[in-house]
PDB file of all heavy atoms in Angstrom:
ATOM      1  N   THR A   1    -131.015  84.688 -34.840  1.00  0.00           N
ATOM      2  CA  THR A   1    -130.995  83.739 -33.703  1.00  0.00           C
ATOM      3  C   THR A   1    -131.544  84.523 -32.512  1.00  0.00           C
ATOM      4  O   THR A   1    -131.232  85.654 -32.264  1.00  0.00           O
ATOM      5  CB  THR A   1    -129.633  83.312 -33.435  1.00  0.00           C
ATOM      6  OG1 THR A   1    -129.026  82.702 -34.553  1.00  0.00           O
ATOM      7  CG2 THR A   1    -129.559  82.299 -32.230  1.00  0.00           C
ATOM      8  N   ILE A   2    -132.345  83.824 -31.668  1.00  0.00           N
ATOM      9  CA  ILE A   2    -132.834  84.418 -30.422  1.00  0.00           C
ATOM     10  C   ILE A   2    -132.308  83.709 -29.300  1.00  0.00           C
ATOM     11  O   ILE A   2    -132.400  82.388 -29.256  1.00  0.00           O
ATOM     12  CB  ILE A   2    -134.407  84.554 -30.404  1.00  0.00           C
ATOM     13  CG1 ILE A   2    -134.841  85.240 -29.180  1.00  0.00           C
ATOM     14  CG2 ILE A   2    -135.029  83.096 -30.493  1.00  0.00           C
ATOM     15  CD1 ILE A   2    -136.353  85.642 -29.244  1.00  0.00           C
ATOM     16  N   THR A   3    -131.671  84.401 -28.289  1.00  0.00           N
ATOM     17  CA  THR A   3    -131.264  83.773 -27.070  1.00  0.00           C
ATOM     18  C   THR A   3    -131.632  84.621 -25.863  1.00  0.00           C
ATOM     19  O   THR A   3    -132.105  85.675 -25.977  1.00  0.00           O
ATOM     20  CB  THR A   3    -129.667  83.651 -27.145  1.00  0.00           C
ATOM     21  OG1 THR A   3    -129.153  85.077 -27.352  1.00  0.00           O
ATOM     22  CG2 THR A   3    -129.224  82.845 -28.318  1.00  0.00           C
ATOM     23  N   ARG A   4    -131.287  84.051 -24.708  1.00  0.00           N
ATOM     24  CA  ARG A   4    -131.597  84.818 -23.544  1.00  0.00           C
ATOM     25  C   ARG A   4    -130.613  84.679 -22.387  1.00  0.00           C
ATOM     26  O   ARG A   4    -129.790  83.680 -22.413  1.00  0.00           O
ATOM     27  CB  ARG A   4    -132.940  84.214 -22.936  1.00  0.00           C
ATOM     28  CG  ARG A   4    -132.767  82.760 -22.573  1.00  0.00           C
ATOM     29  CD  ARG A   4    -134.127  82.189 -21.957  1.00  0.00           C
ATOM     30  NE  ARG A   4    -133.883  80.823 -21.559  1.00  0.00           N
ATOM     31  CZ  ARG A   4    -134.581  80.185 -20.642  1.00  0.00           C
ATOM     32  NH1 ARG A   4    -135.553  80.901 -19.997  1.00  0.00           N
ATOM     33  NH2 ARG A   4    -134.326  78.977 -20.265  1.00  0.00           N
ATOM     34  N   ASP A   5    -130.538  85.643 -21.598  1.00  0.00           N
ATOM     35  CA  ASP A   5    -129.802  85.638 -20.359  1.00  0.00           C
ATOM     36  C   ASP A   5    -130.884  85.527 -19.279  1.00  0.00           C
ATOM     37  O   ASP A   5    -131.440  86.576 -18.805  1.00  0.00           O
ATOM     38  CB  ASP A   5    -128.971  86.871 -20.278  1.00  0.00           C
ATOM     39  CG  ASP A   5    -128.136  86.859 -18.871  1.00  0.00           C
ATOM     40  OD1 ASP A   5    -128.525  86.054 -18.003  1.00  0.00           O
ATOM     41  OD2 ASP A   5    -127.294  87.725 -18.788  1.00  0.00           O
ATOM     42  N   SER A   6    -131.185  84.353 -18.858  1.00  0.00           N
ATOM     43  CA  SER A   6    -132.288  84.110 -17.903  1.00  0.00           C
ATOM     44  C   SER A   6    -132.104  84.824 -16.600  1.00  0.00           C
ATOM     45  O   SER A   6    -133.096  85.317 -15.897  1.00  0.00           O
ATOM     46  CB  SER A   6    -132.659  82.692 -17.807  1.00  0.00           C
ATOM     47  OG  SER A   6    -131.525  81.961 -17.362  1.00  0.00           O
ATOM     48  N   ALA A   7    -130.820  84.863 -16.188  1.00  0.00           N
ATOM     49  CA  ALA A   7    -130.566  85.425 -14.843  1.00  0.00           C
ATOM     50  C   ALA A   7    -130.942  86.933 -14.815  1.00  0.00           C
ATOM     51  O   ALA A   7    -131.270  87.492 -13.808  1.00  0.00           O
ATOM     52  CB  ALA A   7    -129.097  85.276 -14.482  1.00  0.00           C
ATOM     53  N   ASN A   8    -130.789  87.632 -15.978  1.00  0.00           N
ATOM     54  CA  ASN A   8    -131.079  89.031 -16.102  1.00  0.00           C
ATOM     55  C   ASN A   8    -132.330  89.420 -16.890  1.00  0.00           C
ATOM     56  O   ASN A   8    -132.535  90.585 -17.120  1.00  0.00           O
ATOM     57  CB  ASN A   8    -129.870  89.729 -16.728  1.00  0.00           C
ATOM     58  CG  ASN A   8    -128.555  89.613 -15.867  1.00  0.00           C
ATOM     59  OD1 ASN A   8    -128.599  89.995 -14.691  1.00  0.00           O
ATOM     60  ND2 ASN A   8    -127.469  89.227 -16.446  1.00  0.00           N
ATOM     61  N   TYR A   9    -133.101  88.309 -17.229  1.00  0.00           N
ATOM     62  CA  TYR A   9    -134.274  88.546 -17.925  1.00  0.00           C
ATOM     63  C   TYR A   9    -134.089  89.456 -19.204  1.00  0.00           C
ATOM     64  O   TYR A   9    -134.839  90.405 -19.423  1.00  0.00           O
ATOM     65  CB  TYR A   9    -135.391  89.285 -16.976  1.00  0.00           C
ATOM     66  CG  TYR A   9    -135.716  88.464 -15.787  1.00  0.00           C
ATOM     67  CD1 TYR A   9    -135.032  88.611 -14.607  1.00  0.00           C
ATOM     68  CD2 TYR A   9    -136.714  87.458 -15.891  1.00  0.00           C
ATOM     69  CE1 TYR A   9    -135.314  87.879 -13.432  1.00  0.00           C
ATOM     70  CE2 TYR A   9    -137.040  86.736 -14.697  1.00  0.00           C
ATOM     71  CZ  TYR A   9    -136.333  86.867 -13.602  1.00  0.00           C
ATOM     72  OH  TYR A   9    -136.685  86.133 -12.477  1.00  0.00           O
ATOM     73  N   THR A  10    -133.048  89.036 -19.879  1.00  0.00           N
ATOM     74  CA  THR A  10    -132.664  89.799 -21.170  1.00  0.00           C
ATOM     75  C   THR A  10    -132.726  88.901 -22.325  1.00  0.00           C
ATOM     76  O   THR A  10    -132.265  87.730 -22.166  1.00  0.00           O
ATOM     77  CB  THR A  10    -131.384  90.463 -21.016  1.00  0.00           C
ATOM     78  OG1 THR A  10    -131.378  91.384 -19.885  1.00  0.00           O
ATOM     79  CG2 THR A  10    -130.999  91.229 -22.337  1.00  0.00           C
ATOM     80  N   VAL A  11    -133.352  89.280 -23.406  1.00  0.00           N
ATOM     81  CA  VAL A  11    -133.359  88.517 -24.593  1.00  0.00           C
ATOM     82  C   VAL A  11    -132.727  89.199 -25.781  1.00  0.00           C
ATOM     83  O   VAL A  11    -132.830  90.374 -25.813  1.00  0.00           O
ATOM     84  CB  VAL A  11    -134.902  88.249 -24.960  1.00  0.00           C
ATOM     85  CG1 VAL A  11    -134.947  87.517 -26.384  1.00  0.00           C
ATOM     86  CG2 VAL A  11    -135.542  87.308 -23.942  1.00  0.00           C
ATOM     87  N   TYR A  12    -131.952  88.419 -26.546  1.00  0.00           N
ATOM     88  CA  TYR A  12    -131.246  89.065 -27.595  1.00  0.00           C
ATOM     89  C   TYR A  12    -131.708  88.468 -28.953  1.00  0.00           C
ATOM     90  O   TYR A  12    -131.997  87.301 -29.062  1.00  0.00           O
ATOM     91  CB  TYR A  12    -129.728  88.628 -27.445  1.00  0.00           C
ATOM     92  CG  TYR A  12    -129.186  89.135 -26.153  1.00  0.00           C
ATOM     93  CD1 TYR A  12    -129.044  88.222 -25.041  1.00  0.00           C
ATOM     94  CD2 TYR A  12    -128.695  90.395 -25.886  1.00  0.00           C
ATOM     95  CE1 TYR A  12    -128.562  88.598 -23.840  1.00  0.00           C
ATOM     96  CE2 TYR A  12    -128.213  90.796 -24.717  1.00  0.00           C
ATOM     97  CZ  TYR A  12    -128.071  89.978 -23.712  1.00  0.00           C
ATOM     98  OH  TYR A  12    -127.603  90.299 -22.483  1.00  0.00           O
ATOM     99  N   LEU A  13    -131.619  89.420 -29.898  1.00  0.00           N
ATOM    100  CA  LEU A  13    -131.951  88.885 -31.329  1.00  0.00           C
ATOM    101  C   LEU A  13    -130.665  89.205 -32.156  1.00  0.00           C
ATOM    102  O   LEU A  13    -130.434  90.333 -32.388  1.00  0.00           O
ATOM    103  CB  LEU A  13    -133.172  89.667 -31.874  1.00  0.00           C
ATOM    104  CG  LEU A  13    -133.651  89.192 -33.289  1.00  0.00           C
ATOM    105  CD1 LEU A  13    -134.131  87.708 -33.208  1.00  0.00           C
ATOM    106  CD2 LEU A  13    -134.566  90.153 -33.873  1.00  0.00           C
ATOM    107  N   GLN A  14    -130.011  88.233 -32.548  1.00  0.00           N
ATOM    108  CA  GLN A  14    -128.765  88.341 -33.447  1.00  0.00           C
ATOM    109  C   GLN A  14    -129.326  88.200 -34.832  1.00  0.00           C
ATOM    110  O   GLN A  14    -129.806  87.138 -35.216  1.00  0.00           O
ATOM    111  CB  GLN A  14    -127.786  87.237 -33.075  1.00  0.00           C
ATOM    112  CG  GLN A  14    -126.640  87.121 -33.958  1.00  0.00           C
ATOM    113  CD  GLN A  14    -125.638  88.385 -33.811  1.00  0.00           C
ATOM    114  OE1 GLN A  14    -125.433  88.828 -32.698  1.00  0.00           O
ATOM    115  NE2 GLN A  14    -125.290  88.989 -34.957  1.00  0.00           N
ATOM    116  N   MET A  15    -129.085  89.258 -35.590  1.00  0.00           N
ATOM    117  CA  MET A  15    -129.487  89.316 -36.988  1.00  0.00           C
ATOM    118  C   MET A  15    -128.236  89.353 -37.859  1.00  0.00           C
ATOM    119  O   MET A  15    -127.525  90.219 -37.796  1.00  0.00           O
ATOM    120  CB  MET A  15    -130.376  90.597 -37.148  1.00  0.00           C
ATOM    121  CG  MET A  15    -131.514  90.608 -36.209  1.00  0.00           C
ATOM    122  SD  MET A  15    -132.689  92.059 -36.553  1.00  0.00           S
ATOM    123  CE  MET A  15    -131.485  93.401 -36.170  1.00  0.00           C
ATOM    124  N   ASN A  16    -128.169  88.299 -38.697  1.00  0.00           N
ATOM    125  CA  ASN A  16    -126.970  88.177 -39.636  1.00  0.00           C
ATOM    126  C   ASN A  16    -127.549  88.196 -41.076  1.00  0.00           C
ATOM    127  O   ASN A  16    -128.660  88.044 -41.355  1.00  0.00           O
ATOM    128  CB  ASN A  16    -126.282  86.917 -39.396  1.00  0.00           C
ATOM    129  CG  ASN A  16    -125.619  86.782 -38.072  1.00  0.00           C
ATOM    130  OD1 ASN A  16    -125.154  87.718 -37.492  1.00  0.00           O
ATOM    131  ND2 ASN A  16    -125.535  85.588 -37.511  1.00  0.00           N
ATOM    132  N   ASN A  17    -126.641  88.630 -41.920  1.00  0.00           N
ATOM    133  CA  ASN A  17    -126.935  88.583 -43.431  1.00  0.00           C
ATOM    134  C   ASN A  17    -128.154  89.433 -43.661  1.00  0.00           C
ATOM    135  O   ASN A  17    -129.116  88.996 -44.352  1.00  0.00           O
ATOM    136  CB  ASN A  17    -127.125  87.126 -43.908  1.00  0.00           C
ATOM    137  CG  ASN A  17    -127.102  87.048 -45.403  1.00  0.00           C
ATOM    138  OD1 ASN A  17    -126.695  88.030 -46.182  1.00  0.00           O
ATOM    139  ND2 ASN A  17    -127.623  86.030 -46.007  1.00  0.00           N
ATOM    140  N   LEU A  18    -128.256  90.620 -43.117  1.00  0.00           N
ATOM    141  CA  LEU A  18    -129.367  91.463 -43.129  1.00  0.00           C
ATOM    142  C   LEU A  18    -129.688  91.818 -44.661  1.00  0.00           C
ATOM    143  O   LEU A  18    -128.778  92.126 -45.402  1.00  0.00           O
ATOM    144  CB  LEU A  18    -129.291  92.607 -42.264  1.00  0.00           C
ATOM    145  CG  LEU A  18    -129.523  92.302 -40.724  1.00  0.00           C
ATOM    146  CD1 LEU A  18    -128.896  93.402 -39.930  1.00  0.00           C
ATOM    147  CD2 LEU A  18    -131.010  92.265 -40.491  1.00  0.00           C
ATOM    148  N   GLU A  19    -130.925  91.952 -44.926  1.00  0.00           N
ATOM    149  CA  GLU A  19    -131.457  92.441 -46.315  1.00  0.00           C
ATOM    150  C   GLU A  19    -132.271  93.710 -46.150  1.00  0.00           C
ATOM    151  O   GLU A  19    -132.767  93.992 -45.107  1.00  0.00           O
ATOM    152  CB  GLU A  19    -132.250  91.297 -46.856  1.00  0.00           C
ATOM    153  CG  GLU A  19    -131.708  89.900 -46.823  1.00  0.00           C
ATOM    154  CD  GLU A  19    -132.634  88.840 -47.139  1.00  0.00           C
ATOM    155  OE1 GLU A  19    -133.871  89.097 -47.142  1.00  0.00           O
ATOM    156  OE2 GLU A  19    -132.186  87.697 -47.243  1.00  0.00           O
ATOM    157  N   PRO A  20    -132.301  94.460 -47.215  1.00  0.00           N
ATOM    158  CA  PRO A  20    -133.180  95.634 -47.202  1.00  0.00           C
ATOM    159  C   PRO A  20    -134.532  95.336 -46.731  1.00  0.00           C
ATOM    160  O   PRO A  20    -135.243  96.156 -46.052  1.00  0.00           O
ATOM    161  CB  PRO A  20    -133.124  96.245 -48.571  1.00  0.00           C
ATOM    162  CG  PRO A  20    -131.752  95.682 -49.096  1.00  0.00           C
ATOM    163  CD  PRO A  20    -131.556  94.335 -48.491  1.00  0.00           C
ATOM    164  N   ALA A  21    -135.103  94.215 -47.031  1.00  0.00           N
ATOM    165  CA  ALA A  21    -136.470  93.791 -46.676  1.00  0.00           C
ATOM    166  C   ALA A  21    -136.581  93.672 -45.111  1.00  0.00           C
ATOM    167  O   ALA A  21    -137.657  93.656 -44.537  1.00  0.00           O
ATOM    168  CB  ALA A  21    -136.915  92.460 -47.327  1.00  0.00           C
ATOM    169  N   ASP A  22    -135.487  93.624 -44.432  1.00  0.00           N
ATOM    170  CA  ASP A  22    -135.569  93.511 -42.972  1.00  0.00           C
ATOM    171  C   ASP A  22    -135.765  94.995 -42.354  1.00  0.00           C
ATOM    172  O   ASP A  22    -135.892  94.998 -41.152  1.00  0.00           O
ATOM    173  CB  ASP A  22    -134.278  92.933 -42.428  1.00  0.00           C
ATOM    174  CG  ASP A  22    -134.115  91.403 -42.842  1.00  0.00           C
ATOM    175  OD1 ASP A  22    -135.052  90.671 -42.760  1.00  0.00           O
ATOM    176  OD2 ASP A  22    -133.016  91.101 -43.160  1.00  0.00           O
ATOM    177  N   THR A  23    -135.646  95.931 -43.161  1.00  0.00           N
ATOM    178  CA  THR A  23    -135.876  97.338 -42.557  1.00  0.00           C
ATOM    179  C   THR A  23    -137.185  97.461 -41.942  1.00  0.00           C
ATOM    180  O   THR A  23    -138.250  97.279 -42.600  1.00  0.00           O
ATOM    181  CB  THR A  23    -135.640  98.330 -43.663  1.00  0.00           C
ATOM    182  OG1 THR A  23    -134.296  98.352 -44.117  1.00  0.00           O
ATOM    183  CG2 THR A  23    -135.911  99.720 -43.141  1.00  0.00           C
ATOM    184  N   SER A  24    -137.316  97.808 -40.670  1.00  0.00           N
ATOM    185  CA  SER A  24    -138.494  97.860 -39.868  1.00  0.00           C
ATOM    186  C   SER A  24    -138.224  98.472 -38.619  1.00  0.00           C
ATOM    187  O   SER A  24    -137.099  98.639 -38.170  1.00  0.00           O
ATOM    188  CB  SER A  24    -139.115  96.492 -39.705  1.00  0.00           C
ATOM    189  OG  SER A  24    -139.800  95.994 -40.809  1.00  0.00           O
ATOM    190  N   VAL A  25    -139.316  98.819 -37.926  1.00  0.00           N
ATOM    191  CA  VAL A  25    -139.244  99.202 -36.412  1.00  0.00           C
ATOM    192  C   VAL A  25    -139.409  97.719 -35.803  1.00  0.00           C
ATOM    193  O   VAL A  25    -140.310  97.032 -36.090  1.00  0.00           O
ATOM    194  CB  VAL A  25    -140.267 100.082 -35.971  1.00  0.00           C
ATOM    195  CG1 VAL A  25    -140.234 100.212 -34.428  1.00  0.00           C
ATOM    196  CG2 VAL A  25    -140.201 101.401 -36.649  1.00  0.00           C
ATOM    197  N   TYR A  26    -138.392  97.375 -34.901  1.00  0.00           N
ATOM    198  CA  TYR A  26    -138.500  96.096 -34.277  1.00  0.00           C
ATOM    199  C   TYR A  26    -138.988  96.320 -32.814  1.00  0.00           C
ATOM    200  O   TYR A  26    -138.417  97.242 -32.093  1.00  0.00           O
ATOM    201  CB  TYR A  26    -137.040  95.497 -34.295  1.00  0.00           C
ATOM    202  CG  TYR A  26    -136.775  94.803 -35.443  1.00  0.00           C
ATOM    203  CD1 TYR A  26    -136.432  95.646 -36.644  1.00  0.00           C
ATOM    204  CD2 TYR A  26    -136.771  93.403 -35.767  1.00  0.00           C
ATOM    205  CE1 TYR A  26    -136.184  95.041 -37.995  1.00  0.00           C
ATOM    206  CE2 TYR A  26    -136.461  92.809 -36.898  1.00  0.00           C
ATOM    207  CZ  TYR A  26    -136.153  93.641 -38.028  1.00  0.00           C
ATOM    208  OH  TYR A  26    -135.891  93.100 -39.246  1.00  0.00           O
ATOM    209  N   TYR A  27    -139.869  95.551 -32.402  1.00  0.00           N
ATOM    210  CA  TYR A  27    -140.503  95.644 -31.068  1.00  0.00           C
ATOM    211  C   TYR A  27    -140.262  94.350 -30.325  1.00  0.00           C
ATOM    212  O   TYR A  27    -140.369  93.202 -30.854  1.00  0.00           O
ATOM    213  CB  TYR A  27    -142.064  95.816 -31.239  1.00  0.00           C
ATOM    214  CG  TYR A  27    -142.460  97.074 -31.969  1.00  0.00           C
ATOM    215  CD1 TYR A  27    -142.712  97.032 -33.304  1.00  0.00           C
ATOM    216  CD2 TYR A  27    -142.704  98.236 -31.276  1.00  0.00           C
ATOM    217  CE1 TYR A  27    -143.108  98.174 -33.974  1.00  0.00           C
ATOM    218  CE2 TYR A  27    -143.197  99.375 -31.919  1.00  0.00           C
ATOM    219  CZ  TYR A  27    -143.317  99.389 -33.262  1.00  0.00           C
ATOM    220  OH  TYR A  27    -143.782 100.469 -33.899  1.00  0.00           O
ATOM    221  N   CYS A  28    -139.976  94.553 -29.083  1.00  0.00           N
ATOM    222  CA  CYS A  28    -139.968  93.441 -28.156  1.00  0.00           C
ATOM    223  C   CYS A  28    -141.349  93.288 -27.540  1.00  0.00           C
ATOM    224  O   CYS A  28    -142.087  94.254 -27.260  1.00  0.00           O
ATOM    225  CB  CYS A  28    -138.960  93.665 -27.042  1.00  0.00           C
ATOM    226  SG  CYS A  28    -138.769  92.312 -25.842  1.00  0.00           S
ATOM    227  N   ALA A  29    -141.762  91.960 -27.451  1.00  0.00           N
ATOM    228  CA  ALA A  29    -143.115  91.733 -26.908  1.00  0.00           C
ATOM    229  C   ALA A  29    -142.981  90.616 -25.874  1.00  0.00           C
ATOM    230  O   ALA A  29    -142.153  89.721 -25.996  1.00  0.00           O
ATOM    231  CB  ALA A  29    -144.133  91.403 -27.969  1.00  0.00           C
ATOM    232  N   ALA A  30    -143.935  90.577 -24.967  1.00  0.00           N
ATOM    233  CA  ALA A  30    -143.902  89.479 -24.025  1.00  0.00           C
ATOM    234  C   ALA A  30    -145.327  89.091 -23.665  1.00  0.00           C
ATOM    235  O   ALA A  30    -146.321  89.917 -23.750  1.00  0.00           O
ATOM    236  CB  ALA A  30    -143.199  89.972 -22.641  1.00  0.00           C
ATOM    237  N   ALA A  31    -145.523  87.863 -23.218  1.00  0.00           N
ATOM    238  CA  ALA A  31    -146.862  87.320 -22.951  1.00  0.00           C
ATOM    239  C   ALA A  31    -146.815  86.217 -21.931  1.00  0.00           C
ATOM    240  O   ALA A  31    -145.784  85.441 -21.940  1.00  0.00           O
ATOM    241  CB  ALA A  31    -147.512  86.994 -24.232  1.00  0.00           C
ATOM    242  N   ARG A  32    -147.915  86.107 -21.183  1.00  0.00           N
ATOM    243  CA  ARG A  32    -148.045  84.890 -20.327  1.00  0.00           C
ATOM    244  C   ARG A  32    -149.174  84.153 -20.931  1.00  0.00           C
ATOM    245  O   ARG A  32    -150.048  84.513 -21.557  1.00  0.00           O
ATOM    246  CB  ARG A  32    -148.510  85.330 -18.913  1.00  0.00           C
ATOM    247  CG  ARG A  32    -147.421  86.024 -18.143  1.00  0.00           C
ATOM    248  CD  ARG A  32    -147.921  86.249 -16.693  1.00  0.00           C
ATOM    249  NE  ARG A  32    -146.916  86.662 -15.790  1.00  0.00           N
ATOM    250  CZ  ARG A  32    -146.827  87.982 -15.404  1.00  0.00           C
ATOM    251  NH1 ARG A  32    -147.708  88.861 -15.910  1.00  0.00           N
ATOM    252  NH2 ARG A  32    -145.903  88.396 -14.660  1.00  0.00           N
ATOM    253  N   GLY A  33    -149.119  82.750 -20.721  1.00  0.00           N
ATOM    254  CA  GLY A  33    -150.157  81.940 -21.122  1.00  0.00           C
ATOM    255  C   GLY A  33    -150.263  81.479 -22.511  1.00  0.00           C
ATOM    256  O   GLY A  33    -151.301  80.848 -22.940  1.00  0.00           O
ATOM    257  N   ILE A  34    -149.281  81.865 -23.383  1.00  0.00           N
ATOM    258  CA  ILE A  34    -149.316  81.346 -24.766  1.00  0.00           C
ATOM    259  C   ILE A  34    -147.994  80.782 -25.046  1.00  0.00           C
ATOM    260  O   ILE A  34    -146.950  81.064 -24.360  1.00  0.00           O
ATOM    261  CB  ILE A  34    -149.691  82.457 -25.750  1.00  0.00           C
ATOM    262  CG1 ILE A  34    -148.556  83.618 -25.719  1.00  0.00           C
ATOM    263  CG2 ILE A  34    -151.080  83.077 -25.517  1.00  0.00           C
ATOM    264  CD1 ILE A  34    -148.794  84.619 -26.899  1.00  0.00           C
ATOM    265  N   THR A  35    -147.875  79.969 -26.101  1.00  0.00           N
ATOM    266  CA  THR A  35    -146.657  79.419 -26.536  1.00  0.00           C
ATOM    267  C   THR A  35    -145.999  80.246 -27.536  1.00  0.00           C
ATOM    268  O   THR A  35    -146.619  81.161 -28.125  1.00  0.00           O
ATOM    269  CB  THR A  35    -146.899  77.938 -27.146  1.00  0.00           C
ATOM    270  OG1 THR A  35    -147.642  78.187 -28.426  1.00  0.00           O
ATOM    271  CG2 THR A  35    -147.614  77.121 -26.220  1.00  0.00           C
ATOM    272  N   CYS A  36    -144.736  80.026 -27.863  1.00  0.00           N
ATOM    273  CA  CYS A  36    -143.999  80.722 -28.866  1.00  0.00           C
ATOM    274  C   CYS A  36    -144.711  80.482 -30.256  1.00  0.00           C
ATOM    275  O   CYS A  36    -144.748  81.412 -31.014  1.00  0.00           O
ATOM    276  CB  CYS A  36    -142.533  80.339 -28.907  1.00  0.00           C
ATOM    277  SG  CYS A  36    -141.548  81.291 -27.762  1.00  0.00           S
ATOM    278  N   SER A  37    -145.080  79.298 -30.442  1.00  0.00           N
ATOM    279  CA  SER A  37    -145.781  79.104 -31.782  1.00  0.00           C
ATOM    280  C   SER A  37    -146.965  80.042 -31.969  1.00  0.00           C
ATOM    281  O   SER A  37    -147.213  80.563 -33.068  1.00  0.00           O
ATOM    282  CB  SER A  37    -146.212  77.643 -31.835  1.00  0.00           C
ATOM    283  OG  SER A  37    -145.090  76.796 -31.938  1.00  0.00           O
ATOM    284  N   THR A  38    -147.753  80.191 -30.914  1.00  0.00           N
ATOM    285  CA  THR A  38    -148.958  81.045 -30.983  1.00  0.00           C
ATOM    286  C   THR A  38    -148.382  82.493 -31.092  1.00  0.00           C
ATOM    287  O   THR A  38    -149.021  83.296 -31.840  1.00  0.00           O
ATOM    288  CB  THR A  38    -149.779  80.929 -29.646  1.00  0.00           C
ATOM    289  OG1 THR A  38    -150.247  79.549 -29.636  1.00  0.00           O
ATOM    290  CG2 THR A  38    -150.918  81.851 -29.657  1.00  0.00           C
ATOM    291  N   MET A  39    -147.443  82.910 -30.381  1.00  0.00           N
ATOM    292  CA  MET A  39    -146.958  84.350 -30.500  1.00  0.00           C
ATOM    293  C   MET A  39    -146.545  84.681 -31.918  1.00  0.00           C
ATOM    294  O   MET A  39    -146.854  85.684 -32.405  1.00  0.00           O
ATOM    295  CB  MET A  39    -145.832  84.604 -29.557  1.00  0.00           C
ATOM    296  CG  MET A  39    -145.235  85.964 -29.671  1.00  0.00           C
ATOM    297  SD  MET A  39    -143.864  86.351 -28.622  1.00  0.00           S
ATOM    298  CE  MET A  39    -144.658  87.388 -27.353  1.00  0.00           C
ATOM    299  N   VAL A  40    -145.850  83.784 -32.452  1.00  0.00           N
ATOM    300  CA  VAL A  40    -145.253  83.998 -33.831  1.00  0.00           C
ATOM    301  C   VAL A  40    -146.415  84.063 -34.855  1.00  0.00           C
ATOM    302  O   VAL A  40    -146.399  84.830 -35.784  1.00  0.00           O
ATOM    303  CB  VAL A  40    -144.220  82.981 -34.175  1.00  0.00           C
ATOM    304  CG1 VAL A  40    -143.822  83.121 -35.703  1.00  0.00           C
ATOM    305  CG2 VAL A  40    -142.947  83.180 -33.275  1.00  0.00           C
ATOM    306  N   ARG A  41    -147.349  83.219 -34.610  1.00  0.00           N
ATOM    307  CA  ARG A  41    -148.492  83.245 -35.577  1.00  0.00           C
ATOM    308  C   ARG A  41    -149.375  84.429 -35.306  1.00  0.00           C
ATOM    309  O   ARG A  41    -150.063  84.991 -36.306  1.00  0.00           O
ATOM    310  CB  ARG A  41    -149.296  81.893 -35.507  1.00  0.00           C
ATOM    311  CG  ARG A  41    -148.558  80.727 -36.051  1.00  0.00           C
ATOM    312  CD  ARG A  41    -149.613  79.499 -35.866  1.00  0.00           C
ATOM    313  NE  ARG A  41    -150.746  79.695 -36.742  1.00  0.00           N
ATOM    314  CZ  ARG A  41    -151.853  78.920 -36.612  1.00  0.00           C
ATOM    315  NH1 ARG A  41    -151.876  78.003 -35.758  1.00  0.00           N
ATOM    316  NH2 ARG A  41    -152.892  79.190 -37.422  1.00  0.00           N
ATOM    317  N   PHE A  42    -149.657  84.845 -34.062  1.00  0.00           N
ATOM    318  CA  PHE A  42    -150.580  85.804 -33.685  1.00  0.00           C
ATOM    319  C   PHE A  42    -149.929  86.856 -32.795  1.00  0.00           C
ATOM    320  O   PHE A  42    -150.180  86.874 -31.550  1.00  0.00           O
ATOM    321  CB  PHE A  42    -151.810  85.199 -33.038  1.00  0.00           C
ATOM    322  CG  PHE A  42    -152.413  84.137 -33.786  1.00  0.00           C
ATOM    323  CD1 PHE A  42    -152.327  82.828 -33.524  1.00  0.00           C
ATOM    324  CD2 PHE A  42    -153.191  84.457 -34.972  1.00  0.00           C
ATOM    325  CE1 PHE A  42    -152.926  81.767 -34.212  1.00  0.00           C
ATOM    326  CE2 PHE A  42    -153.814  83.501 -35.737  1.00  0.00           C
ATOM    327  CZ  PHE A  42    -153.706  82.117 -35.284  1.00  0.00           C
ATOM    328  N   PRO A  43    -149.058  87.704 -33.351  1.00  0.00           N
ATOM    329  CA  PRO A  43    -148.236  88.494 -32.349  1.00  0.00           C
ATOM    330  C   PRO A  43    -149.124  89.532 -31.608  1.00  0.00           C
ATOM    331  O   PRO A  43    -148.739  89.990 -30.508  1.00  0.00           O
ATOM    332  CB  PRO A  43    -147.297  89.271 -33.432  1.00  0.00           C
ATOM    333  CG  PRO A  43    -147.988  89.091 -34.794  1.00  0.00           C
ATOM    334  CD  PRO A  43    -148.645  87.743 -34.678  1.00  0.00           C
TER     335      PRO A  43
END
């Protein structure tokens, strides 16, 4: 689940039921001018 605290410009990723396949380096990314659908398709 992804949520935000807009007042503090902070975004949270709540990860439940984690699997070994979720092992990775996780990066936060930001962009202007694109939608979330575009970001997820073309990070």
